[in-house]
Amino acid sequence: MNSLSRSGWKVAAVSEASPQGPAARSGAARATAESGTDGGLDYFVERDGKVFAGRHLLLDLWGAKNLDDPQAIERALRDAVAAANATLLHVHVHRFTPMGGVSGVAVLAESHISIHTWPERAFAAIDVFMCGNCDPQKSVPVLTAAFAPERLLIDEVDRGLIE
């Protein structure tokens, strides 16, 4: 079964017997479902001739707002999950005292989005890691709208790269 996801990644359910060599790859990205060691499926991504577990975005937000508000942070996590077309399993947010920093995580079927805030420095560190048919890039505008940073730094890492 092949279809085109909203992210433009080509999605295919692939059995272990399917060829995954260069001839089977295209320049378009896609998620592949293969049997894992436990008999379940693992969803690796294929993009630009590379096969990997998923894309991990590391966001540093400087001059950010709403960093001491657990409700705003939970809402931002939930909205970011929806924007990325991910499957939410659980959200947990915790506010620390006396400084008021907040840590939160949205646990996804496709991995996670986490945040750690330092309101006293107007700084937040956010991780967005997703595999399969999700687009972590689509979470970035949602998160920047929620926290209105003056400066945003993003690093991208392809995790589980098969060489």
Protein backbone atom coordinates (compact mmCIF):
# COMPACT_ATOMS: atom_id res chain seq x y z
CA MET A 1 0.00 0.00 0.00
CA ASN A 2 1.44 3.40 -0.98
CA SER A 3 0.02 6.80 -0.22
CA LEU A 4 1.27 10.35 0.10
CA SER A 5 1.21 11.83 3.59
CA ARG A 6 0.43 15.46 4.36
CA SER A 7 4.17 15.96 4.87
CA GLY A 8 4.88 14.77 1.33
CA TRP A 9 6.59 11.62 2.57
CA LYS A 10 5.67 8.50 0.64
CA VAL A 11 4.32 5.88 3.05
CA ALA A 12 4.62 2.16 2.43
CA ALA A 13 3.98 -0.93 4.50
CA VAL A 14 6.93 -3.18 3.69
CA SER A 15 7.48 -6.77 4.76
CA GLU A 16 10.91 -8.13 5.79
CA ALA A 17 11.07 -9.94 2.46
CA SER A 18 10.73 -6.70 0.49
CA PRO A 19 13.87 -5.38 -1.15
CA GLN A 20 15.12 -2.20 0.52
CA GLY A 21 18.23 -1.68 -1.58
CA PRO A 22 19.01 1.40 -3.67
CA ALA A 23 16.80 0.23 -6.54
CA ALA A 24 13.79 0.22 -4.22
CA ARG A 25 14.49 3.77 -2.98
CA SER A 26 13.41 7.03 -4.51
CA GLY A 27 14.36 10.63 -3.77
CA ALA A 28 11.05 11.10 -1.94
CA ALA A 29 10.90 10.38 1.76
CA ARG A 30 8.70 7.60 3.04
CA ALA A 31 8.00 5.65 6.18
CA THR A 32 8.47 1.90 6.01
CA ALA A 33 6.87 -0.62 8.32
CA GLU A 34 8.95 -3.72 8.88
CA SER A 35 8.61 -6.56 11.34
CA GLY A 36 10.67 -5.90 14.43
CA THR A 37 12.35 -8.53 16.58
CA ASP A 38 9.22 -8.81 18.74
CA GLY A 39 6.99 -9.46 15.71
CA GLY A 40 5.55 -5.92 15.84
CA LEU A 41 6.14 -3.18 13.31
CA ASP A 42 8.87 -0.58 13.43
CA TYR A 43 8.43 2.50 11.28
CA PHE A 44 11.66 3.69 9.71
CA VAL A 45 11.81 6.71 7.42
CA GLU A 46 13.40 6.81 3.98
CA ARG A 47 14.41 10.23 2.67
CA ASP A 48 17.00 11.35 0.12
CA GLY A 49 18.42 7.83 -0.17
CA LYS A 50 18.84 7.44 3.62
CA VAL A 51 16.93 5.07 5.90
CA PHE A 52 16.63 6.03 9.56
CA ALA A 53 14.43 5.60 12.64
CA GLY A 54 13.19 9.17 12.73
CA ARG A 55 13.93 12.85 12.68
CA HIS A 56 14.90 14.53 15.97
CA LEU A 57 14.51 18.30 16.17
CA LEU A 58 16.28 20.18 18.96
CA LEU A 59 14.81 23.64 19.50
CA ASP A 60 16.33 26.38 21.65
CA LEU A 61 13.91 29.23 22.28
CA TRP A 62 15.40 32.46 23.66
CA GLY A 63 13.36 35.46 24.79
CA ALA A 64 10.35 33.15 25.06
CA LYS A 65 7.07 33.74 26.91
CA ASN A 66 4.56 31.55 28.83
CA LEU A 67 7.39 29.42 30.23
CA ASP A 68 5.99 29.25 33.78
CA ASP A 69 2.41 28.36 32.76
CA PRO A 70 1.78 24.57 32.91
CA GLN A 71 -1.63 24.88 31.21
CA ALA A 72 -0.21 26.88 28.28
CA ILE A 73 2.64 24.39 27.94
CA GLU A 74 0.29 21.39 27.93
CA ARG A 75 -1.91 23.09 25.32
CA ALA A 76 1.18 23.81 23.17
CA LEU A 77 2.32 20.17 23.42
CA ARG A 78 -1.13 18.87 22.43
CA ASP A 79 -1.40 21.32 19.52
CA ALA A 80 2.13 20.43 18.30
CA VAL A 81 1.24 16.73 18.34
CA ALA A 82 -1.89 17.37 16.25
CA ALA A 83 -0.02 19.58 13.78
CA ALA A 84 2.60 16.85 13.21
CA ASN A 85 -0.11 14.23 12.62
CA ALA A 86 1.21 12.15 15.54
CA THR A 87 -0.64 9.85 17.94
CA LEU A 88 -0.79 11.15 21.53
CA LEU A 89 -0.56 8.51 24.24
CA HIS A 90 0.01 10.63 27.36
CA VAL A 91 0.94 14.16 28.47
CA HIS A 92 2.63 14.98 31.76
CA VAL A 93 3.60 18.50 32.85
CA HIS A 94 5.34 19.42 36.12
CA ARG A 95 6.02 22.91 37.54
CA PHE A 96 9.07 23.35 39.75
CA THR A 97 9.25 25.76 42.65
CA PRO A 98 10.52 28.24 43.64
CA MET A 99 11.89 29.30 40.22
CA GLY A 100 8.77 28.26 38.32
CA GLY A 101 10.37 26.25 35.54
CA VAL A 102 8.24 23.62 33.85
CA SER A 103 9.11 20.24 32.34
CA GLY A 104 6.64 18.44 30.14
CA VAL A 105 6.45 15.50 27.82
CA ALA A 106 3.96 14.32 25.26
CA VAL A 107 4.50 10.59 24.84
CA LEU A 108 3.60 9.55 21.30
CA ALA A 109 3.12 6.26 19.52
CA GLU A 110 5.78 7.70 17.19
CA SER A 111 8.12 8.85 20.05
CA HIS A 112 7.87 12.16 21.99
CA ILE A 113 7.87 15.93 22.31
CA SER A 114 9.48 17.28 25.49
CA ILE A 115 10.07 20.73 26.94
CA HIS A 116 12.17 22.11 29.80
CA THR A 117 11.86 25.79 30.67
CA TRP A 118 13.93 28.36 32.53
CA PRO A 119 11.56 31.34 32.89
CA GLU A 120 14.19 33.33 34.79
CA ARG A 121 16.29 33.27 31.59
CA ALA A 122 13.35 33.33 29.13
CA PHE A 123 14.74 30.07 27.69
CA ALA A 124 13.14 26.77 26.70
CA ALA A 125 14.70 23.58 25.32
CA ILE A 126 12.30 21.48 23.24
CA ASP A 127 12.89 18.05 21.69
CA VAL A 128 10.63 16.76 18.92
CA PHE A 129 11.43 13.17 17.89
CA MET A 130 9.14 11.27 15.53
CA CYS A 131 9.28 8.22 13.34
CA GLY A 132 6.83 6.88 10.78
CA ASN A 133 4.27 8.98 8.96
CA CYS A 134 4.67 12.15 11.03
CA ASP A 135 6.24 15.46 10.16
CA PRO A 136 8.05 16.95 13.18
CA GLN A 137 8.69 20.17 11.20
CA LYS A 138 4.95 20.94 11.34
CA SER A 139 5.15 21.22 15.12
CA VAL A 140 7.64 24.12 14.94
CA PRO A 141 5.20 26.92 13.92
CA VAL A 142 2.78 25.79 16.64
CA LEU A 143 5.49 25.86 19.31
CA THR A 144 6.86 29.22 18.19
CA ALA A 145 3.35 30.70 18.21
CA ALA A 146 2.78 29.40 21.75
CA PHE A 147 6.05 30.73 23.19
CA ALA A 148 6.81 33.73 20.91
CA PRO A 149 10.61 33.49 21.14
CA GLU A 150 12.77 36.40 20.08
CA ARG A 151 15.32 33.91 18.77
CA LEU A 152 14.89 30.28 17.68
CA LEU A 153 17.72 27.82 17.01
CA ILE A 154 16.96 24.42 15.46
CA ASP A 155 19.21 21.40 15.03
CA GLU A 156 18.04 18.31 13.13
CA VAL A 157 19.37 14.80 13.62
CA ASP A 158 18.42 11.65 11.73
CA ARG A 159 18.31 9.01 14.49
CA GLY A 160 19.03 5.34 13.84
CA LEU A 161 20.68 5.96 10.47
CA ILE A 162 21.23 2.71 8.56
CA GLU A 163 24.52 2.96 6.69
